[in-house]
Amino acid sequence: MIERDLRGRGIKNARVLAAMDAVPRHLFVPEPLRAAAYEDRPLPIGAGQTISQPYIVAFMTELLELKGDEKVLEIGTGSGYQAAVLARLAREVCSIEILPALSERAREVLLRLGFANVHLKVGDGFFGWREKGPFDAILLTAAALREGGRLVMPLGEERRAQRLMRFTKTGGKPVAEDLTAVLFVPLTGAIREEAR
């Protein structure tokens, strides 16, 4: 899987490749599907949900550019596989799952494998996990916008050059528009106070 499906498709980060190699994907899929666990495709895990294909897990993880001291929020625990990969690369992983049965199964596997730096919560990921924030990186493992949906936000360093961006879901794909230069103040409130 590592050579063929990950390195062969452009995954270069040695830490990500090592994490993908170290996490036993077969333990995160239902027993009848374990023979297919290392194929590069999503697999059903129950409740109409899937475990993402290994390439996508590696690709999304690589995009986070984790160095090892970060606190990461994952929206959509699912099987717990992505959280396990993240846990090998970050200081702390906080993962939210809306389906209690999936969260409990993920908790059992993660505990059995000794991932003490993963915290799971049953809840609606739409609301985040305020008590655990702020986060250095956030990974959404479920589609957040419906067709025609829009997300407008400033991107960039606080008190430096920022760009106002609009993301629109069109034809099932996100379309990004860089609209103008802006300068927004940072978020305030409880999350900001905890960062101090």
Protein backbone atom coordinates (compact mmCIF):
# COMPACT_ATOMS: atom_id res chain seq x y z
CA MET A 1 0.00 0.00 0.00
CA ILE A 2 2.75 2.47 0.95
CA GLU A 3 4.76 2.16 -2.27
CA ARG A 4 1.94 1.55 -4.76
CA ASP A 5 -0.92 3.69 -3.46
CA LEU A 6 0.80 6.43 -1.49
CA ARG A 7 4.36 7.09 -2.72
CA GLY A 8 3.28 6.07 -6.20
CA ARG A 9 0.58 8.74 -6.18
CA GLY A 10 2.73 11.56 -4.83
CA ILE A 11 2.66 11.35 -1.03
CA LYS A 12 6.15 12.55 -0.04
CA ASN A 13 6.08 13.42 3.67
CA ALA A 14 8.17 10.76 5.42
CA ARG A 15 6.33 11.21 8.74
CA VAL A 16 2.95 10.72 7.06
CA LEU A 17 4.19 7.62 5.23
CA ALA A 18 5.56 6.20 8.48
CA ALA A 19 2.28 6.87 10.31
CA MET A 20 0.27 5.22 7.53
CA ASP A 21 2.62 2.23 7.66
CA ALA A 22 2.37 1.94 11.45
CA VAL A 23 -1.44 2.12 11.86
CA PRO A 24 -3.10 -1.28 11.24
CA ARG A 25 -6.02 -0.29 8.98
CA HIS A 26 -7.53 -3.77 9.12
CA LEU A 27 -8.44 -3.27 12.79
CA PHE A 28 -10.64 -0.28 11.87
CA VAL A 29 -12.85 -2.14 9.37
CA PRO A 30 -15.51 -4.78 10.06
CA GLU A 31 -14.07 -8.29 10.28
CA PRO A 32 -15.68 -9.58 7.05
CA LEU A 33 -13.88 -6.81 5.09
CA ARG A 34 -10.43 -7.17 6.62
CA ALA A 35 -9.02 -8.94 3.57
CA ALA A 36 -9.69 -5.74 1.59
CA ALA A 37 -8.39 -3.36 4.29
CA TYR A 38 -5.22 -2.38 2.42
CA GLU A 39 -6.84 -1.81 -0.95
CA ASP A 40 -6.95 1.83 -1.98
CA ARG A 41 -10.69 2.28 -1.71
CA PRO A 42 -13.25 3.30 0.88
CA LEU A 43 -14.96 0.47 2.75
CA PRO A 44 -18.31 0.42 4.58
CA ILE A 45 -18.08 0.52 8.38
CA GLY A 46 -21.82 0.43 9.17
CA ALA A 47 -24.56 3.02 9.65
CA GLY A 48 -24.13 4.12 6.02
CA GLN A 49 -20.61 5.38 6.73
CA THR A 50 -17.22 4.50 5.24
CA ILE A 51 -13.55 4.43 6.12
CA SER A 52 -11.77 6.65 3.59
CA GLN A 53 -9.36 5.16 1.09
CA PRO A 54 -5.73 5.18 2.30
CA TYR A 55 -4.56 7.67 -0.34
CA ILE A 56 -7.15 10.26 0.73
CA VAL A 57 -6.26 9.77 4.42
CA ALA A 58 -2.57 10.29 3.61
CA PHE A 59 -3.22 13.21 1.26
CA MET A 60 -5.44 15.11 3.71
CA THR A 61 -2.99 14.41 6.52
CA GLU A 62 -0.04 15.63 4.46
CA LEU A 63 -1.91 18.86 3.70
CA LEU A 64 -2.03 19.66 7.44
CA GLU A 65 1.80 19.90 7.53
CA LEU A 66 1.96 18.62 11.10
CA LYS A 67 5.26 18.99 12.97
CA GLY A 68 4.35 17.08 16.14
CA ASP A 69 3.31 19.69 18.72
CA GLU A 70 -0.14 20.52 17.36
CA LYS A 71 -3.64 20.04 18.73
CA VAL A 72 -5.87 18.81 15.90
CA LEU A 73 -9.66 18.76 15.64
CA GLU A 74 -11.22 16.11 13.44
CA ILE A 75 -14.90 16.43 12.52
CA GLY A 76 -16.22 12.94 11.76
CA THR A 77 -14.43 10.18 13.69
CA GLY A 78 -16.02 7.35 11.74
CA SER A 79 -13.87 4.25 12.22
CA GLY A 80 -11.17 6.15 14.11
CA TYR A 81 -8.51 5.35 11.46
CA GLN A 82 -7.84 8.97 10.47
CA ALA A 83 -7.63 9.94 14.16
CA ALA A 84 -5.05 7.17 14.72
CA VAL A 85 -2.91 8.43 11.83
CA LEU A 86 -3.16 11.99 13.13
CA ALA A 87 -2.29 10.84 16.65
CA ARG A 88 1.08 9.56 15.44
CA LEU A 89 1.85 13.00 14.00
CA ALA A 90 0.36 15.51 16.48
CA ARG A 91 0.50 16.11 20.22
CA GLU A 92 -3.27 15.77 20.68
CA VAL A 93 -6.26 14.80 18.54
CA CYS A 94 -9.84 15.72 19.42
CA SER A 95 -12.40 13.94 17.25
CA ILE A 96 -16.18 14.37 17.13
CA GLU A 97 -18.61 11.74 15.82
CA ILE A 98 -22.37 12.19 15.64
CA LEU A 99 -23.16 8.44 15.68
CA PRO A 100 -22.65 6.96 19.18
CA ALA A 101 -22.10 3.37 17.97
CA LEU A 102 -19.29 4.44 15.62
CA SER A 103 -17.68 6.59 18.30
CA GLU A 104 -17.75 3.73 20.80
CA ARG A 105 -16.26 1.24 18.35
CA ALA A 106 -13.53 3.75 17.42
CA ARG A 107 -12.82 4.33 21.13
CA GLU A 108 -12.38 0.60 21.74
CA VAL A 109 -9.92 0.17 18.86
CA LEU A 110 -7.94 3.32 19.70
CA LEU A 111 -7.64 2.30 23.37
CA ARG A 112 -6.60 -1.24 22.42
CA LEU A 113 -3.85 0.25 20.24
CA GLY A 114 -2.70 2.58 23.02
CA PHE A 115 -3.60 5.95 21.53
CA ALA A 116 -3.78 7.97 24.75
CA ASN A 117 -3.53 11.31 22.93
CA VAL A 118 -6.90 10.92 21.15
CA HIS A 119 -10.03 12.36 22.78
CA LEU A 120 -13.42 11.37 21.38
CA LYS A 121 -16.75 13.09 21.76
CA VAL A 122 -20.22 12.12 20.59
CA GLY A 123 -21.83 15.23 19.19
CA ASP A 124 -22.63 17.37 16.20
CA GLY A 125 -19.38 18.44 14.58
CA PHE A 126 -21.13 21.53 13.25
CA PHE A 127 -20.67 23.07 16.69
CA GLY A 128 -17.01 22.11 17.08
CA TRP A 129 -15.48 21.36 20.49
CA ARG A 130 -15.20 24.67 22.27
CA GLU A 131 -13.83 23.27 25.54
CA LYS A 132 -10.83 21.73 23.76
CA GLY A 133 -9.98 24.68 21.47
CA PRO A 134 -8.19 26.51 20.11
CA PHE A 135 -6.78 24.13 17.51
CA ASP A 136 -3.69 24.29 15.34
CA ALA A 137 -5.37 22.31 12.56
CA ILE A 138 -8.91 21.18 11.73
CA LEU A 139 -9.79 18.30 9.44
CA LEU A 140 -13.34 17.75 8.20
CA THR A 141 -13.93 14.17 7.10
CA ALA A 142 -17.50 14.79 5.98
CA ALA A 143 -18.86 17.12 3.33
CA ALA A 144 -19.88 20.40 4.94
CA LEU A 145 -21.55 22.28 2.09
CA ARG A 146 -24.56 21.20 0.04
CA GLU A 147 -24.77 21.96 -3.68
CA GLY A 148 -24.81 25.74 -4.11
CA GLY A 149 -23.59 26.24 -0.52
CA ARG A 150 -21.19 29.11 0.19
CA LEU A 151 -18.45 29.77 2.72
CA VAL A 152 -16.97 33.26 3.01
CA MET A 153 -13.97 33.83 5.25
CA PRO A 154 -10.71 35.75 5.59
CA LEU A 155 -7.56 33.67 5.14
CA GLY A 156 -4.11 34.68 6.27
CA GLU A 157 -2.13 35.67 9.32
CA GLU A 158 -3.87 37.90 11.84
CA ARG A 159 -2.85 41.55 11.56
CA ARG A 160 -1.04 40.82 8.27
CA ALA A 161 -2.04 40.42 4.66
CA GLN A 162 -5.27 38.49 4.43
CA ARG A 163 -7.50 37.60 1.50
CA LEU A 164 -11.28 37.44 1.56
CA MET A 165 -12.21 34.11 0.04
CA ARG A 166 -15.52 32.62 -1.10
CA PHE A 167 -15.88 28.87 -1.56
CA THR A 168 -18.97 27.69 -3.46
CA LYS A 169 -19.97 24.08 -4.06
CA THR A 170 -20.83 23.86 -7.76
CA GLY A 171 -21.31 20.64 -9.68
CA GLY A 172 -20.27 18.71 -6.59
CA LYS A 173 -16.89 20.48 -6.43
CA PRO A 174 -15.65 23.47 -4.43
CA VAL A 175 -14.85 26.59 -6.40
CA ALA A 176 -12.56 29.10 -4.67
CA GLU A 177 -12.70 32.82 -5.39
CA ASP A 178 -10.03 35.21 -4.13
CA LEU A 179 -12.08 38.40 -3.74
CA THR A 180 -9.97 41.16 -2.19
CA ALA A 181 -7.35 42.09 0.37
CA VAL A 182 -8.74 42.49 3.91
CA LEU A 183 -7.49 42.94 7.45
CA PHE A 184 -9.64 41.33 10.14
CA VAL A 185 -9.02 41.29 13.86
CA PRO A 186 -8.58 37.84 15.44
CA LEU A 187 -11.47 35.93 17.04
CA THR A 188 -12.19 36.94 20.61
CA GLY A 189 -14.01 35.24 23.45
CA ALA A 190 -13.28 32.07 25.43
CA ILE A 191 -11.28 30.47 22.64
CA ARG A 192 -9.01 33.50 22.42
CA GLU A 193 -8.55 33.66 26.20
CA GLU A 194 -7.43 30.02 26.34
CA ALA A 195 -4.75 30.69 23.71
CA ARG A 196 -2.97 33.17 26.02
